[in-house]
Amino acid sequence: MEVSFKNKIVIPENVADILRTLSRADFFSQGLLVGSWVMLLYKEIFKIHYTLRTFDLDFALETITPVSGNVVDLEKIFIDLGYIVVTDYQSGFRKFTREGLEVEFLVHRKGGRDVPKVEIKHLNVSALPLPHVDILFLFPIVIDFGDYKIRIPSPEALFLHKLIIAQKRKSEAKKENDLAQCKTLTGTLDFSKITQILKSLKLSGKSRRSMANSCKAIDFPPQKLLF
């Protein structure tokens, strides 16, 4: 699916600068914009009601290895854009910040072992390994801003992802935000895509219980997920 946002101002220029620069570096051939900014774009596409609660930018990476030999120095890109590299000296995880905006990168975590960070050498960036990030890459949407394009998750993929991770959150505020986003998305879902995504996944019993518990929390019938 591709959506045109040409001549539409839907995001601030400082965020657009990042997206445009990453697009021109071919980042979105292997990455997605994820997090709350996606909901703001859904607001334009699907006419949902949503108020942005955080200005942080999150990006997900599909793989820790280069795609088509694409090697990009993301740290240099952000420094050139005026961002400061902030390093967690305990874990070594790096993120970027400027004027209250924080940028982080995420990657799928395989297995149950908790790893503090993964170094993505071909992009010169740290990524935070989190479970079920792989779901976000199923049926992605391309957004065409005219002079650049980005990719974001489909509502169906984000919905299923959030149903699972909401129950894993240590922060009650983040859990509530995940569930609020799920509830907002219920009117946009294509259940044929939901079915295809679920059939492609090998979810554990624990993950399925998490989905059921989240469905209950947002008054969404879990039987609609056919699991």
Protein backbone atom coordinates (compact mmCIF):
# COMPACT_ATOMS: atom_id res chain seq x y z
CA MET A 1 0.00 0.00 0.00
CA GLU A 2 1.27 3.46 -0.87
CA VAL A 3 -0.23 6.75 0.32
CA SER A 4 0.56 10.18 -1.09
CA PHE A 5 1.06 13.09 1.31
CA LYS A 6 2.31 15.45 -1.38
CA ASN A 7 1.62 19.10 -0.53
CA LYS A 8 0.30 18.09 2.90
CA ILE A 9 1.99 19.39 6.04
CA VAL A 10 1.41 16.68 8.64
CA ILE A 11 4.69 16.67 10.56
CA PRO A 12 7.03 19.40 11.90
CA GLU A 13 9.99 20.40 9.77
CA ASN A 14 12.60 19.11 12.25
CA VAL A 15 11.06 15.64 12.02
CA ALA A 16 10.69 15.95 8.24
CA ASP A 17 14.42 16.79 8.02
CA ILE A 18 15.27 13.48 9.68
CA LEU A 19 12.86 11.45 7.53
CA ARG A 20 14.01 13.13 4.31
CA THR A 21 17.70 12.59 5.12
CA LEU A 22 17.19 8.94 6.08
CA SER A 23 15.11 8.35 2.95
CA ARG A 24 17.82 9.76 0.71
CA ALA A 25 20.32 7.49 2.47
CA ASP A 26 18.05 4.54 1.54
CA PHE A 27 17.43 3.74 5.20
CA PHE A 28 13.81 2.77 4.58
CA SER A 29 14.79 -0.14 2.34
CA GLN A 30 15.63 -1.89 5.62
CA GLY A 31 13.86 0.21 8.23
CA LEU A 32 10.53 1.63 9.38
CA LEU A 33 9.35 4.66 11.27
CA VAL A 34 7.57 3.24 14.31
CA GLY A 35 6.19 4.63 17.59
CA SER A 36 3.70 7.41 18.18
CA TRP A 37 4.53 9.40 15.02
CA VAL A 38 3.02 6.53 13.03
CA MET A 39 -0.29 7.15 14.78
CA LEU A 40 -0.16 10.77 13.63
CA LEU A 41 0.18 9.57 10.03
CA TYR A 42 -2.66 7.08 10.54
CA LYS A 43 -4.74 10.05 11.68
CA GLU A 44 -4.37 11.55 8.21
CA ILE A 45 -4.85 8.28 6.32
CA PHE A 46 -7.69 6.69 8.28
CA LYS A 47 -9.25 9.81 9.88
CA ILE A 48 -8.85 8.48 13.41
CA HIS A 49 -8.71 10.70 16.48
CA TYR A 50 -5.25 10.79 18.03
CA THR A 51 -3.25 13.29 20.08
CA LEU A 52 0.54 12.96 19.99
CA ARG A 53 1.82 12.44 23.54
CA THR A 54 5.55 12.14 22.93
CA PHE A 55 7.94 13.79 20.50
CA ASP A 56 10.45 10.91 20.55
CA LEU A 57 11.24 9.27 17.22
CA ASP A 58 11.68 5.49 17.01
CA PHE A 59 12.90 3.52 14.01
CA ALA A 60 12.87 -0.26 13.59
CA LEU A 61 15.46 -2.21 11.62
CA GLU A 62 14.50 -5.39 9.79
CA THR A 63 17.95 -6.94 9.93
CA ILE A 64 21.33 -6.39 11.57
CA THR A 65 23.10 -7.17 8.29
CA PRO A 66 23.35 -4.89 5.23
CA VAL A 67 20.57 -4.91 2.63
CA SER A 68 21.93 -4.80 -0.95
CA GLY A 69 25.29 -3.69 0.41
CA ASN A 70 23.79 -0.51 1.87
CA VAL A 71 26.32 1.01 4.30
CA VAL A 72 25.38 4.32 5.94
CA ASP A 73 26.93 6.23 8.83
CA LEU A 74 23.80 7.16 10.76
CA GLU A 75 25.76 8.68 13.61
CA LYS A 76 27.39 11.15 11.22
CA ILE A 77 24.02 11.91 9.64
CA PHE A 78 22.52 12.89 12.99
CA ILE A 79 25.58 14.86 14.07
CA ASP A 80 25.39 16.79 10.77
CA LEU A 81 21.72 17.51 11.55
CA GLY A 82 22.77 19.05 14.87
CA TYR A 83 22.00 16.11 17.17
CA ILE A 84 24.11 15.07 20.14
CA VAL A 85 25.09 11.42 20.69
CA VAL A 86 24.00 10.27 24.15
CA THR A 87 25.61 7.05 25.38
CA ASP A 88 24.42 4.90 28.25
CA TYR A 89 27.77 4.11 29.84
CA GLN A 90 26.41 1.00 31.52
CA SER A 91 25.08 -0.69 28.38
CA GLY A 92 26.83 1.28 25.63
CA PHE A 93 23.49 2.00 23.93
CA ARG A 94 23.59 5.20 21.83
CA LYS A 95 20.71 7.50 20.97
CA PHE A 96 20.48 11.01 19.51
CA THR A 97 18.94 14.11 21.01
CA ARG A 98 18.30 17.72 20.04
CA GLU A 99 16.02 20.31 21.64
CA GLY A 100 14.00 17.72 23.54
CA LEU A 101 13.62 15.29 20.62
CA GLU A 102 15.17 11.85 21.17
CA VAL A 103 15.84 9.34 18.39
CA GLU A 104 16.27 5.61 19.03
CA PHE A 105 16.62 2.50 16.88
CA LEU A 106 15.01 -0.87 17.60
CA VAL A 107 15.63 -4.37 16.30
CA HIS A 108 13.88 -7.72 16.74
CA ARG A 109 15.09 -9.76 19.69
CA LYS A 110 15.19 -13.48 19.04
CA GLY A 111 14.62 -15.78 22.00
CA GLY A 112 14.02 -14.79 25.59
CA ARG A 113 17.52 -13.60 26.50
CA ASP A 114 17.58 -9.94 27.51
CA VAL A 115 20.33 -8.16 25.57
CA PRO A 116 20.93 -4.46 26.40
CA LYS A 117 21.86 -3.40 22.85
CA VAL A 118 23.03 -4.57 19.43
CA GLU A 119 25.62 -2.70 17.40
CA ILE A 120 24.51 -2.33 13.77
CA LYS A 121 27.94 -1.91 12.25
CA HIS A 122 26.94 -1.14 8.66
CA LEU A 123 24.81 1.76 9.92
CA ASN A 124 27.08 2.83 12.79
CA VAL A 125 24.22 2.87 15.27
CA SER A 126 23.08 1.03 18.40
CA ALA A 127 19.72 -0.72 18.39
CA LEU A 128 17.60 -1.76 21.33
CA PRO A 129 16.59 -5.44 20.95
CA LEU A 130 12.88 -5.90 21.70
CA PRO A 131 10.56 -8.89 21.20
CA HIS A 132 8.11 -9.05 18.30
CA VAL A 133 9.60 -6.15 16.31
CA ASP A 134 9.52 -8.49 13.30
CA ILE A 135 5.71 -8.25 13.24
CA LEU A 136 5.95 -4.57 12.31
CA PHE A 137 7.47 -5.41 8.91
CA LEU A 138 4.43 -7.35 7.68
CA PHE A 139 2.34 -5.42 5.10
CA PRO A 140 4.17 -2.08 5.55
CA ILE A 141 2.76 1.16 4.13
CA VAL A 142 4.83 3.49 1.93
CA ILE A 143 4.25 7.20 2.54
CA ASP A 144 5.13 9.48 -0.38
CA PHE A 145 5.88 13.04 0.77
CA GLY A 146 6.72 14.15 -2.77
CA ASP A 147 10.46 14.63 -2.52
CA TYR A 148 11.03 11.54 -0.38
CA LYS A 149 9.35 8.32 0.76
CA ILE A 150 9.31 6.42 4.04
CA ARG A 151 7.83 3.15 5.32
CA ILE A 152 5.60 2.65 8.36
CA PRO A 153 3.89 -0.47 9.77
CA SER A 154 0.38 -1.39 8.70
CA PRO A 155 -2.33 -0.75 11.33
CA GLU A 156 -2.87 -4.51 11.54
CA ALA A 157 0.79 -5.23 12.29
CA LEU A 158 1.06 -2.41 14.82
CA PHE A 159 -2.19 -3.50 16.49
CA LEU A 160 -1.03 -7.08 16.99
CA HIS A 161 2.44 -5.94 18.09
CA LYS A 162 0.99 -3.58 20.69
CA LEU A 163 -1.48 -6.18 21.98
CA ILE A 164 1.46 -8.40 22.89
CA ILE A 165 3.99 -5.91 24.22
CA ALA A 166 1.45 -3.95 26.30
CA GLN A 167 1.35 -6.88 28.73
CA LYS A 168 5.17 -6.98 28.92
CA ARG A 169 5.57 -3.34 29.89
CA LYS A 170 7.13 -2.53 33.25
CA SER A 171 5.83 1.02 33.00
CA GLU A 172 2.10 1.31 33.60
CA ALA A 173 2.02 4.57 31.62
CA LYS A 174 3.57 2.90 28.56
CA LYS A 175 1.17 -0.02 28.90
CA GLU A 176 -1.80 2.35 28.98
CA ASN A 177 -0.46 4.19 25.92
CA ASP A 178 -0.09 0.91 23.99
CA LEU A 179 -3.63 -0.13 24.85
CA ALA A 180 -5.02 3.32 23.98
CA GLN A 181 -3.38 3.08 20.55
CA CYS A 182 -4.81 -0.42 20.05
CA LYS A 183 -8.29 0.80 20.92
CA THR A 184 -7.93 3.72 18.49
CA LEU A 185 -6.91 1.35 15.68
CA THR A 186 -9.82 -1.08 16.00
CA GLY A 187 -11.91 0.78 13.43
CA THR A 188 -9.17 0.71 10.77
CA LEU A 189 -8.36 -3.01 10.74
CA ASP A 190 -8.50 -5.28 7.71
CA PHE A 191 -9.23 -8.67 9.28
CA SER A 192 -8.03 -10.58 6.23
CA LYS A 193 -4.59 -9.05 6.87
CA ILE A 194 -4.91 -9.83 10.58
CA THR A 195 -5.51 -13.47 9.68
CA GLN A 196 -2.57 -13.58 7.26
CA ILE A 197 -0.24 -12.08 9.84
CA LEU A 198 -1.33 -14.45 12.59
CA LYS A 199 -0.97 -17.46 10.31
CA SER A 200 2.59 -16.40 9.45
CA LEU A 201 3.64 -16.12 13.10
CA LYS A 202 4.69 -18.81 15.53
CA LEU A 203 3.38 -17.25 18.71
CA SER A 204 3.91 -18.86 22.08
CA GLY A 205 1.04 -19.58 24.42
CA LYS A 206 2.27 -16.72 26.60
CA SER A 207 2.10 -14.26 23.69
CA ARG A 208 -1.39 -15.43 22.81
CA ARG A 209 -2.49 -14.94 26.40
CA SER A 210 -1.01 -11.45 26.31
CA MET A 211 -3.06 -10.67 23.22
CA ALA A 212 -6.21 -12.01 24.86
CA ASN A 213 -5.60 -9.96 28.02
CA SER A 214 -5.04 -6.80 25.98
CA CYS A 215 -8.21 -7.46 23.98
CA LYS A 216 -10.12 -7.74 27.24
CA ALA A 217 -8.61 -4.47 28.49
CA ILE A 218 -9.84 -2.54 25.41
CA ASP A 219 -13.19 -4.37 25.14
CA PHE A 220 -12.24 -5.95 21.83
CA PRO A 221 -13.61 -9.46 21.13
CA PRO A 222 -10.53 -11.75 20.99
CA GLN A 223 -12.42 -14.23 18.82
CA LYS A 224 -12.08 -11.71 15.97
CA LEU A 225 -8.40 -12.59 15.87
CA LEU A 226 -9.23 -16.24 15.18
CA PHE A 227 -6.63 -17.61 17.58
